[in-house]
Amino acid sequence: MAGIRNLVTRTILGMGILALFPGCSVKEDRIECPVYVTVLTDEFVRLGMNEGLVSFSGTRVIDREDVSFLSILRSGYRQACPREFARAAVFSGAENYILVEDAMQVLSGCQAGLLWAYGEIFSAQSDEYVIDATPHKQYCLVQFLFEDAPTPPSDYPWRFRIKAACSGMDIYTLAPLEGDYSAYVGPNALGAWYGVIPRQKSNDLLLEVYLPDSDREDTGRVEYVIDLGAQFEALGYDWTATDLRDITVKVGFASAGISLSVQEWEGDNSYEHIEI
């Protein structure tokens, strides 16, 4: 009887000790326990982006939320994720995009937004994992200049349309996704002419020059089709660059010729220049 009583006592004590361990049982493989991921978005704020979207996924979406980066400055966004496989993404400037599953896709007929993003796939070995999300530029801004002026003459009849073969992006790998992209280029509210090209797989690009219909600017009879991709290729444009560069398209009035120059997105004033 004494032996039985001792056995029961040891069993009860053992159960009490196990109860002191929160979360995971000491008998569980630690891979079954979550990792607590903190995503820091301070670099987005430093570059002037005060809000955006944070997304976490494993084999499925875990959490996805619009966030004020200012409200989590220095503290970060914290989320429990699977230890063995997880993904995190942060992006800002996603105007005219729609998010479906893991794909950010430009809305049909719209010009891509000025998208900055960070994505990471990870397998954590510790209980805490910190991601310092650094925003990277996912678009090429195309500035149209008219004989060195930012605006054409008041009677300038033409409009432009940029066409490309990719219109989306995987939010975790930042890889471009195929899909027809078509964006109208004309004067904005300030009279300047800009186009935006999202990240591409290759230089499969066209520039259409057309006369707009009388009742709308974004449609009309196409007069010229220019192989814009060939000019990107000649300039050595790199669509795999971490941060995409901007392009200036210089339009001449005296002929149908268009010249292109490549500008570093950071604001470098040096140009490579060619004539078509």
C-alpha atoms as a PDB file:
ATOM      1  CA  MET A   1       0.000   0.000   0.000  1.00  0.00           C
ATOM      2  CA  ALA A   2       2.840   2.399   0.810  1.00  0.00           C
ATOM      3  CA  GLY A   3       4.297   1.756  -2.658  1.00  0.00           C
ATOM      4  CA  ILE A   4       0.964   2.532  -4.323  1.00  0.00           C
ATOM      5  CA  ARG A   5       0.599   5.743  -2.266  1.00  0.00           C
ATOM      6  CA  ASN A   6       4.129   6.850  -3.291  1.00  0.00           C
ATOM      7  CA  LEU A   7       3.325   6.154  -6.960  1.00  0.00           C
ATOM      8  CA  VAL A   8       0.123   8.220  -6.809  1.00  0.00           C
ATOM      9  CA  THR A   9       1.990  11.060  -5.064  1.00  0.00           C
ATOM     10  CA  ARG A  10       4.724  11.098  -7.719  1.00  0.00           C
ATOM     11  CA  THR A  11       2.101  11.102 -10.475  1.00  0.00           C
ATOM     12  CA  ILE A  12       0.216  14.055  -8.965  1.00  0.00           C
ATOM     13  CA  LEU A  13       3.447  16.007  -8.463  1.00  0.00           C
ATOM     14  CA  GLY A  14       4.448  15.328 -12.058  1.00  0.00           C
ATOM     15  CA  MET A  15       1.116  16.591 -13.348  1.00  0.00           C
ATOM     16  CA  GLY A  16       1.514  19.749 -11.268  1.00  0.00           C
ATOM     17  CA  ILE A  17       4.965  20.423 -12.708  1.00  0.00           C
ATOM     18  CA  LEU A  18       3.682  19.993 -16.271  1.00  0.00           C
ATOM     19  CA  ALA A  19       0.930  22.516 -15.548  1.00  0.00           C
ATOM     20  CA  LEU A  20       3.592  25.147 -14.815  1.00  0.00           C
ATOM     21  CA  PHE A  21       4.731  25.148 -18.493  1.00  0.00           C
ATOM     22  CA  PRO A  22       2.503  27.511 -20.546  1.00  0.00           C
ATOM     23  CA  GLY A  23       1.677  27.006 -24.245  1.00  0.00           C
ATOM     24  CA  CYS A  24       3.579  23.943 -25.372  1.00  0.00           C
ATOM     25  CA  SER A  25       3.846  20.652 -23.549  1.00  0.00           C
ATOM     26  CA  VAL A  26       7.391  19.605 -22.721  1.00  0.00           C
ATOM     27  CA  LYS A  27       6.617  16.374 -24.611  1.00  0.00           C
ATOM     28  CA  GLU A  28       5.770  18.283 -27.816  1.00  0.00           C
ATOM     29  CA  ASP A  29       8.260  18.813 -30.624  1.00  0.00           C
ATOM     30  CA  ARG A  30       9.163  22.535 -30.423  1.00  0.00           C
ATOM     31  CA  ILE A  31       8.384  22.923 -34.156  1.00  0.00           C
ATOM     32  CA  GLU A  32       4.688  22.758 -33.190  1.00  0.00           C
ATOM     33  CA  CYS A  33       5.039  25.955 -31.160  1.00  0.00           C
ATOM     34  CA  PRO A  34       4.574  29.314 -32.920  1.00  0.00           C
ATOM     35  CA  VAL A  35       7.293  31.862 -33.505  1.00  0.00           C
ATOM     36  CA  TYR A  36       6.399  35.436 -32.590  1.00  0.00           C
ATOM     37  CA  VAL A  37       7.373  37.631 -35.512  1.00  0.00           C
ATOM     38  CA  THR A  38       7.906  41.373 -35.158  1.00  0.00           C
ATOM     39  CA  VAL A  39       7.980  43.343 -38.403  1.00  0.00           C
ATOM     40  CA  LEU A  40       9.599  46.780 -38.138  1.00  0.00           C
ATOM     41  CA  THR A  41       8.346  49.319 -40.678  1.00  0.00           C
ATOM     42  CA  ASP A  42      10.437  52.316 -39.612  1.00  0.00           C
ATOM     43  CA  GLU A  43      12.253  52.425 -42.966  1.00  0.00           C
ATOM     44  CA  PHE A  44       8.931  52.940 -44.752  1.00  0.00           C
ATOM     45  CA  VAL A  45       8.287  55.959 -42.532  1.00  0.00           C
ATOM     46  CA  ARG A  46      11.790  57.279 -43.145  1.00  0.00           C
ATOM     47  CA  LEU A  47      11.049  57.310 -46.891  1.00  0.00           C
ATOM     48  CA  GLY A  48       7.778  59.168 -46.350  1.00  0.00           C
ATOM     49  CA  MET A  49       5.290  56.281 -46.362  1.00  0.00           C
ATOM     50  CA  ASN A  50       3.079  56.493 -43.290  1.00  0.00           C
ATOM     51  CA  GLU A  51       0.650  53.672 -44.012  1.00  0.00           C
ATOM     52  CA  GLY A  52       0.385  50.425 -45.899  1.00  0.00           C
ATOM     53  CA  LEU A  53      -0.509  46.772 -45.549  1.00  0.00           C
ATOM     54  CA  VAL A  54       1.172  44.000 -43.567  1.00  0.00           C
ATOM     55  CA  SER A  55       0.510  40.369 -44.514  1.00  0.00           C
ATOM     56  CA  PHE A  56       1.518  37.041 -42.942  1.00  0.00           C
ATOM     57  CA  SER A  57       1.040  33.588 -44.428  1.00  0.00           C
ATOM     58  CA  GLY A  58       2.114  30.025 -43.851  1.00  0.00           C
ATOM     59  CA  THR A  59       0.438  27.561 -46.165  1.00  0.00           C
ATOM     60  CA  ARG A  60      -2.564  29.915 -45.892  1.00  0.00           C
ATOM     61  CA  VAL A  61      -3.173  33.546 -44.961  1.00  0.00           C
ATOM     62  CA  ILE A  62      -2.635  34.094 -41.216  1.00  0.00           C
ATOM     63  CA  ASP A  63      -3.214  37.823 -40.887  1.00  0.00           C
ATOM     64  CA  ARG A  64      -3.564  40.740 -43.286  1.00  0.00           C
ATOM     65  CA  GLU A  65      -4.221  44.278 -42.122  1.00  0.00           C
ATOM     66  CA  ASP A  66      -4.024  47.920 -43.228  1.00  0.00           C
ATOM     67  CA  VAL A  67      -1.649  49.575 -40.790  1.00  0.00           C
ATOM     68  CA  SER A  68      -0.561  53.070 -39.810  1.00  0.00           C
ATOM     69  CA  PHE A  69       3.217  52.771 -39.783  1.00  0.00           C
ATOM     70  CA  LEU A  70       3.401  55.796 -37.499  1.00  0.00           C
ATOM     71  CA  SER A  71       1.352  53.981 -34.850  1.00  0.00           C
ATOM     72  CA  ILE A  72       3.858  51.103 -34.709  1.00  0.00           C
ATOM     73  CA  LEU A  73       6.993  53.202 -35.049  1.00  0.00           C
ATOM     74  CA  ARG A  74       9.891  51.500 -33.214  1.00  0.00           C
ATOM     75  CA  SER A  75       7.616  48.839 -31.714  1.00  0.00           C
ATOM     76  CA  GLY A  76       6.704  47.029 -34.924  1.00  0.00           C
ATOM     77  CA  TYR A  77       3.811  44.740 -35.848  1.00  0.00           C
ATOM     78  CA  ARG A  78       3.784  41.449 -33.901  1.00  0.00           C
ATOM     79  CA  GLN A  79       2.185  38.230 -35.113  1.00  0.00           C
ATOM     80  CA  ALA A  80       2.359  34.523 -34.203  1.00  0.00           C
ATOM     81  CA  CYS A  81       3.413  32.412 -37.194  1.00  0.00           C
ATOM     82  CA  PRO A  82       4.223  28.728 -37.854  1.00  0.00           C
ATOM     83  CA  ARG A  83       7.782  27.948 -36.863  1.00  0.00           C
ATOM     84  CA  GLU A  84       8.614  25.658 -39.780  1.00  0.00           C
ATOM     85  CA  PHE A  85       7.475  27.885 -42.675  1.00  0.00           C
ATOM     86  CA  ALA A  86       6.101  31.399 -42.785  1.00  0.00           C
ATOM     87  CA  ARG A  87       6.052  34.468 -44.984  1.00  0.00           C
ATOM     88  CA  ALA A  88       5.753  38.177 -44.281  1.00  0.00           C
ATOM     89  CA  ALA A  89       5.167  41.121 -46.606  1.00  0.00           C
ATOM     90  CA  VAL A  90       4.836  44.873 -46.228  1.00  0.00           C
ATOM     91  CA  PHE A  91       3.812  47.203 -49.027  1.00  0.00           C
ATOM     92  CA  SER A  92       2.725  50.781 -49.561  1.00  0.00           C
ATOM     93  CA  GLY A  93       1.498  52.818 -52.532  1.00  0.00           C
ATOM     94  CA  ALA A  94      -0.788  50.091 -53.900  1.00  0.00           C
ATOM     95  CA  GLU A  95      -3.273  52.440 -55.588  1.00  0.00           C
ATOM     96  CA  ASN A  96      -5.105  50.742 -58.484  1.00  0.00           C
ATOM     97  CA  TYR A  97      -4.019  47.294 -57.260  1.00  0.00           C
ATOM     98  CA  ILE A  98      -6.159  44.447 -56.008  1.00  0.00           C
ATOM     99  CA  LEU A  99      -4.806  41.748 -53.676  1.00  0.00           C
ATOM    100  CA  VAL A 100      -5.939  38.178 -54.352  1.00  0.00           C
ATOM    101  CA  GLU A 101      -4.292  35.402 -52.306  1.00  0.00           C
ATOM    102  CA  ASP A 102      -0.556  36.134 -52.657  1.00  0.00           C
ATOM    103  CA  ALA A 103      -0.835  38.196 -55.853  1.00  0.00           C
ATOM    104  CA  MET A 104      -0.981  41.979 -56.115  1.00  0.00           C
ATOM    105  CA  GLN A 105      -2.628  42.721 -59.472  1.00  0.00           C
ATOM    106  CA  VAL A 106      -3.130  46.027 -61.294  1.00  0.00           C
ATOM    107  CA  LEU A 107      -6.811  46.720 -61.956  1.00  0.00           C
ATOM    108  CA  SER A 108      -7.682  46.300 -65.626  1.00  0.00           C
ATOM    109  CA  GLY A 109      -7.314  49.500 -67.623  1.00  0.00           C
ATOM    110  CA  CYS A 110      -5.653  51.391 -64.766  1.00  0.00           C
ATOM    111  CA  GLN A 111      -2.155  52.732 -64.367  1.00  0.00           C
ATOM    112  CA  ALA A 112      -0.101  50.962 -61.701  1.00  0.00           C
ATOM    113  CA  GLY A 113       0.434  52.701 -58.384  1.00  0.00           C
ATOM    114  CA  LEU A 114       3.826  53.725 -57.022  1.00  0.00           C
ATOM    115  CA  LEU A 115       4.359  50.452 -55.178  1.00  0.00           C
ATOM    116  CA  TRP A 116       7.077  49.934 -52.573  1.00  0.00           C
ATOM    117  CA  ALA A 117       7.347  46.510 -50.977  1.00  0.00           C
ATOM    118  CA  TYR A 118       9.299  44.115 -48.799  1.00  0.00           C
ATOM    119  CA  GLY A 119       8.793  40.350 -48.704  1.00  0.00           C
ATOM    120  CA  GLU A 120      10.463  37.512 -46.829  1.00  0.00           C
ATOM    121  CA  ILE A 121      10.083  33.742 -46.537  1.00  0.00           C
ATOM    122  CA  PHE A 122      11.590  32.282 -43.372  1.00  0.00           C
ATOM    123  CA  SER A 123      11.897  29.303 -41.062  1.00  0.00           C
ATOM    124  CA  ALA A 124      12.537  30.443 -37.499  1.00  0.00           C
ATOM    125  CA  GLN A 125      14.639  28.492 -35.022  1.00  0.00           C
ATOM    126  CA  SER A 126      13.848  30.625 -31.995  1.00  0.00           C
ATOM    127  CA  ASP A 127      10.705  31.812 -30.240  1.00  0.00           C
ATOM    128  CA  GLU A 128      11.161  35.404 -31.436  1.00  0.00           C
ATOM    129  CA  TYR A 129      11.975  36.578 -34.966  1.00  0.00           C
ATOM    130  CA  VAL A 130      12.494  40.199 -36.023  1.00  0.00           C
ATOM    131  CA  ILE A 131      12.151  41.457 -39.600  1.00  0.00           C
ATOM    132  CA  ASP A 132      13.484  44.905 -40.448  1.00  0.00           C
ATOM    133  CA  ALA A 133      11.322  45.580 -43.512  1.00  0.00           C
ATOM    134  CA  THR A 134      13.202  47.741 -46.018  1.00  0.00           C
ATOM    135  CA  PRO A 135      10.973  49.134 -48.799  1.00  0.00           C
ATOM    136  CA  HIS A 136      12.052  48.482 -52.386  1.00  0.00           C
ATOM    137  CA  LYS A 137      10.800  50.264 -55.491  1.00  0.00           C
ATOM    138  CA  GLN A 138       8.616  48.007 -57.655  1.00  0.00           C
ATOM    139  CA  TYR A 139       7.850  50.369 -60.539  1.00  0.00           C
ATOM    140  CA  CYS A 140       9.501  52.292 -63.347  1.00  0.00           C
ATOM    141  CA  LEU A 141       8.261  55.865 -63.569  1.00  0.00           C
ATOM    142  CA  VAL A 142       8.252  57.076 -67.189  1.00  0.00           C
ATOM    143  CA  GLN A 143       8.466  60.849 -67.556  1.00  0.00           C
ATOM    144  CA  PHE A 144       7.541  62.299 -70.947  1.00  0.00           C
ATOM    145  CA  LEU A 145       9.417  65.440 -71.970  1.00  0.00           C
ATOM    146  CA  PHE A 146       8.591  67.476 -75.041  1.00  0.00           C
ATOM    147  CA  GLU A 147      11.790  68.939 -76.494  1.00  0.00           C
ATOM    148  CA  ASP A 148      13.128  69.272 -72.928  1.00  0.00           C
ATOM    149  CA  ALA A 149       9.895  70.817 -71.622  1.00  0.00           C
ATOM    150  CA  PRO A 150       7.663  68.926 -69.158  1.00  0.00           C
ATOM    151  CA  THR A 151       4.527  69.832 -71.119  1.00  0.00           C
ATOM    152  CA  PRO A 152       3.771  69.952 -74.867  1.00  0.00           C
ATOM    153  CA  PRO A 153       2.277  72.915 -76.772  1.00  0.00           C
ATOM    154  CA  SER A 154      -1.382  73.569 -76.019  1.00  0.00           C
ATOM    155  CA  ASP A 155      -2.417  72.230 -79.423  1.00  0.00           C
ATOM    156  CA  TYR A 156      -0.442  68.967 -79.122  1.00  0.00           C
ATOM    157  CA  PRO A 157      -2.820  66.275 -80.455  1.00  0.00           C
ATOM    158  CA  TRP A 158      -1.233  62.970 -79.405  1.00  0.00           C
ATOM    159  CA  ARG A 159      -1.688  60.712 -76.419  1.00  0.00           C
ATOM    160  CA  PHE A 160       0.269  57.586 -75.413  1.00  0.00           C
ATOM    161  CA  ARG A 161      -0.453  54.098 -74.158  1.00  0.00           C
ATOM    162  CA  ILE A 162       2.134  51.848 -72.523  1.00  0.00           C
ATOM    163  CA  LYS A 163       1.629  48.107 -72.960  1.00  0.00           C
ATOM    164  CA  ALA A 164       3.482  45.373 -71.081  1.00  0.00           C
ATOM    165  CA  ALA A 165       3.286  41.631 -70.435  1.00  0.00           C
ATOM    166  CA  CYS A 166       3.226  41.658 -66.609  1.00  0.00           C
ATOM    167  CA  SER A 167       0.630  43.361 -64.451  1.00  0.00           C
ATOM    168  CA  GLY A 168       1.092  41.722 -61.056  1.00  0.00           C
ATOM    169  CA  MET A 169       3.539  40.755 -58.330  1.00  0.00           C
ATOM    170  CA  ASP A 170       3.933  37.978 -55.778  1.00  0.00           C
ATOM    171  CA  ILE A 171       3.895  39.903 -52.503  1.00  0.00           C
ATOM    172  CA  TYR A 172       6.344  37.581 -50.726  1.00  0.00           C
ATOM    173  CA  THR A 173       8.963  36.980 -53.448  1.00  0.00           C
ATOM    174  CA  LEU A 174       8.329  40.292 -55.289  1.00  0.00           C
ATOM    175  CA  ALA A 175       8.488  38.337 -58.546  1.00  0.00           C
ATOM    176  CA  PRO A 176       6.491  39.801 -61.463  1.00  0.00           C
ATOM    177  CA  LEU A 177       3.383  37.923 -62.569  1.00  0.00           C
ATOM    178  CA  GLU A 178       2.212  37.717 -66.164  1.00  0.00           C
ATOM    179  CA  GLY A 179      -0.893  39.576 -67.270  1.00  0.00           C
ATOM    180  CA  ASP A 180      -1.717  42.188 -69.897  1.00  0.00           C
ATOM    181  CA  TYR A 181      -0.903  45.701 -68.746  1.00  0.00           C
ATOM    182  CA  SER A 182      -2.195  48.755 -70.594  1.00  0.00           C
ATOM    183  CA  ALA A 183      -1.961  52.278 -69.200  1.00  0.00           C
ATOM    184  CA  TYR A 184      -2.954  55.604 -70.723  1.00  0.00           C
ATOM    185  CA  VAL A 185      -0.479  58.492 -70.564  1.00  0.00           C
ATOM    186  CA  GLY A 186      -1.689  62.083 -70.848  1.00  0.00           C
ATOM    187  CA  PRO A 187      -1.510  65.300 -68.841  1.00  0.00           C
ATOM    188  CA  ASN A 188      -2.102  64.999 -65.114  1.00  0.00           C
ATOM    189  CA  ALA A 189      -3.694  67.665 -62.919  1.00  0.00           C
ATOM    190  CA  LEU A 190      -0.485  69.731 -63.086  1.00  0.00           C
ATOM    191  CA  GLY A 191      -0.099  69.286 -66.833  1.00  0.00           C
ATOM    192  CA  ALA A 192       2.866  66.909 -66.547  1.00  0.00           C
ATOM    193  CA  TRP A 193       2.920  63.583 -68.424  1.00  0.00           C
ATOM    194  CA  TYR A 194       3.923  60.450 -66.529  1.00  0.00           C
ATOM    195  CA  GLY A 195       3.470  56.733 -67.062  1.00  0.00           C
ATOM    196  CA  VAL A 196       4.121  53.873 -64.653  1.00  0.00           C
ATOM    197  CA  ILE A 197       5.338  50.388 -65.545  1.00  0.00           C
ATOM    198  CA  PRO A 198       5.184  47.695 -62.828  1.00  0.00           C
ATOM    199  CA  ARG A 199       8.072  45.244 -62.490  1.00  0.00           C
ATOM    200  CA  GLN A 200       8.417  43.057 -65.608  1.00  0.00           C
ATOM    201  CA  LYS A 201      10.005  39.733 -66.474  1.00  0.00           C
ATOM    202  CA  SER A 202      11.495  41.070 -69.704  1.00  0.00           C
ATOM    203  CA  ASN A 203      11.436  44.018 -72.090  1.00  0.00           C
ATOM    204  CA  ASP A 204       8.166  43.005 -73.722  1.00  0.00           C
ATOM    205  CA  LEU A 205       6.958  46.616 -73.989  1.00  0.00           C
ATOM    206  CA  LEU A 206       5.130  48.677 -76.588  1.00  0.00           C
ATOM    207  CA  LEU A 207       4.324  52.383 -76.781  1.00  0.00           C
ATOM    208  CA  GLU A 208       1.237  53.301 -78.779  1.00  0.00           C
ATOM    209  CA  VAL A 209       0.815  56.846 -80.081  1.00  0.00           C
ATOM    210  CA  TYR A 210      -2.795  57.728 -80.859  1.00  0.00           C
ATOM    211  CA  LEU A 211      -5.254  60.507 -81.546  1.00  0.00           C
ATOM    212  CA  PRO A 212      -7.856  60.526 -78.742  1.00  0.00           C
ATOM    213  CA  ASP A 213     -11.568  60.306 -79.408  1.00  0.00           C
ATOM    214  CA  SER A 214     -13.509  63.536 -79.120  1.00  0.00           C
ATOM    215  CA  ASP A 215     -15.375  62.387 -76.005  1.00  0.00           C
ATOM    216  CA  ARG A 216     -12.565  60.678 -74.035  1.00  0.00           C
ATOM    217  CA  GLU A 217      -8.797  60.877 -73.729  1.00  0.00           C
ATOM    218  CA  ASP A 218      -7.912  57.242 -73.085  1.00  0.00           C
ATOM    219  CA  THR A 219      -9.178  55.784 -76.384  1.00  0.00           C
ATOM    220  CA  GLY A 220      -8.593  56.668 -80.005  1.00  0.00           C
ATOM    221  CA  ARG A 221      -7.089  55.701 -83.332  1.00  0.00           C
ATOM    222  CA  VAL A 222      -3.526  54.358 -83.019  1.00  0.00           C
ATOM    223  CA  GLU A 223      -1.157  56.034 -85.479  1.00  0.00           C
ATOM    224  CA  TYR A 224       2.219  54.646 -84.385  1.00  0.00           C
ATOM    225  CA  VAL A 225       3.416  51.621 -82.410  1.00  0.00           C
ATOM    226  CA  ILE A 226       6.956  51.877 -81.046  1.00  0.00           C
ATOM    227  CA  ASP A 227       8.949  48.914 -79.749  1.00  0.00           C
ATOM    228  CA  LEU A 228       9.658  50.437 -76.366  1.00  0.00           C
ATOM    229  CA  GLY A 229      11.153  47.181 -75.097  1.00  0.00           C
ATOM    230  CA  ALA A 230      13.912  47.292 -77.701  1.00  0.00           C
ATOM    231  CA  GLN A 231      14.972  50.675 -76.368  1.00  0.00           C
ATOM    232  CA  PHE A 232      14.955  49.396 -72.775  1.00  0.00           C
ATOM    233  CA  GLU A 233      17.061  46.467 -73.973  1.00  0.00           C
ATOM    234  CA  ALA A 234      19.540  48.755 -75.730  1.00  0.00           C
ATOM    235  CA  LEU A 235      19.888  50.815 -72.593  1.00  0.00           C
ATOM    236  CA  GLY A 236      20.559  47.704 -70.499  1.00  0.00           C
ATOM    237  CA  TYR A 237      17.518  48.190 -68.303  1.00  0.00           C
ATOM    238  CA  ASP A 238      17.504  45.654 -65.441  1.00  0.00           C
ATOM    239  CA  TRP A 239      14.054  44.483 -64.331  1.00  0.00           C
ATOM    240  CA  THR A 240      15.679  42.270 -61.672  1.00  0.00           C
ATOM    241  CA  ALA A 241      17.234  45.240 -59.852  1.00  0.00           C
ATOM    242  CA  THR A 242      16.280  45.527 -56.193  1.00  0.00           C
ATOM    243  CA  ASP A 243      15.018  49.060 -56.831  1.00  0.00           C
ATOM    244  CA  LEU A 244      13.846  49.835 -60.355  1.00  0.00           C
ATOM    245  CA  ARG A 245      15.200  52.860 -62.236  1.00  0.00           C
ATOM    246  CA  ASP A 246      13.109  55.547 -63.910  1.00  0.00           C
ATOM    247  CA  ILE A 247      12.978  56.384 -67.607  1.00  0.00           C
ATOM    248  CA  THR A 248      12.611  59.681 -69.433  1.00  0.00           C
ATOM    249  CA  VAL A 249      10.956  59.576 -72.869  1.00  0.00           C
ATOM    250  CA  LYS A 250      11.875  62.644 -74.857  1.00  0.00           C
ATOM    251  CA  VAL A 251       9.392  63.497 -77.616  1.00  0.00           C
ATOM    252  CA  GLY A 252      10.375  65.587 -80.630  1.00  0.00           C
ATOM    253  CA  PHE A 253       7.861  67.666 -82.599  1.00  0.00           C
ATOM    254  CA  ALA A 254       9.700  67.956 -85.903  1.00  0.00           C
ATOM    255  CA  SER A 255       9.621  64.228 -86.628  1.00  0.00           C
ATOM    256  CA  ALA A 256       8.164  61.008 -85.307  1.00  0.00           C
ATOM    257  CA  GLY A 257      11.435  60.360 -83.500  1.00  0.00           C
ATOM    258  CA  ILE A 258      11.464  59.712 -79.769  1.00  0.00           C
ATOM    259  CA  SER A 259      14.579  59.655 -77.607  1.00  0.00           C
ATOM    260  CA  LEU A 260      14.949  57.766 -74.354  1.00  0.00           C
ATOM    261  CA  SER A 261      17.180  58.447 -71.379  1.00  0.00           C
ATOM    262  CA  VAL A 262      17.690  56.360 -68.256  1.00  0.00           C
ATOM    263  CA  GLN A 263      17.687  58.066 -64.878  1.00  0.00           C
ATOM    264  CA  GLU A 264      18.625  56.499 -61.557  1.00  0.00           C
ATOM    265  CA  TRP A 265      15.543  56.585 -59.328  1.00  0.00           C
ATOM    266  CA  GLU A 266      17.503  58.081 -56.419  1.00  0.00           C
ATOM    267  CA  GLY A 267      17.704  61.340 -58.341  1.00  0.00           C
ATOM    268  CA  ASP A 268      21.057  61.021 -60.083  1.00  0.00           C
ATOM    269  CA  ASN A 269      21.162  63.711 -62.819  1.00  0.00           C
ATOM    270  CA  SER A 270      23.422  61.717 -65.146  1.00  0.00           C
ATOM    271  CA  TYR A 271      21.723  60.238 -68.217  1.00  0.00           C
ATOM    272  CA  GLU A 272      22.413  57.657 -70.854  1.00  0.00           C
ATOM    273  CA  HIS A 273      20.885  58.941 -74.055  1.00  0.00           C
ATOM    274  CA  ILE A 274      19.997  57.430 -77.423  1.00  0.00           C
ATOM    275  CA  GLU A 275      18.025  58.580 -80.443  1.00  0.00           C
ATOM    276  CA  ILE A 276      15.493  56.411 -82.281  1.00  0.00           C
END
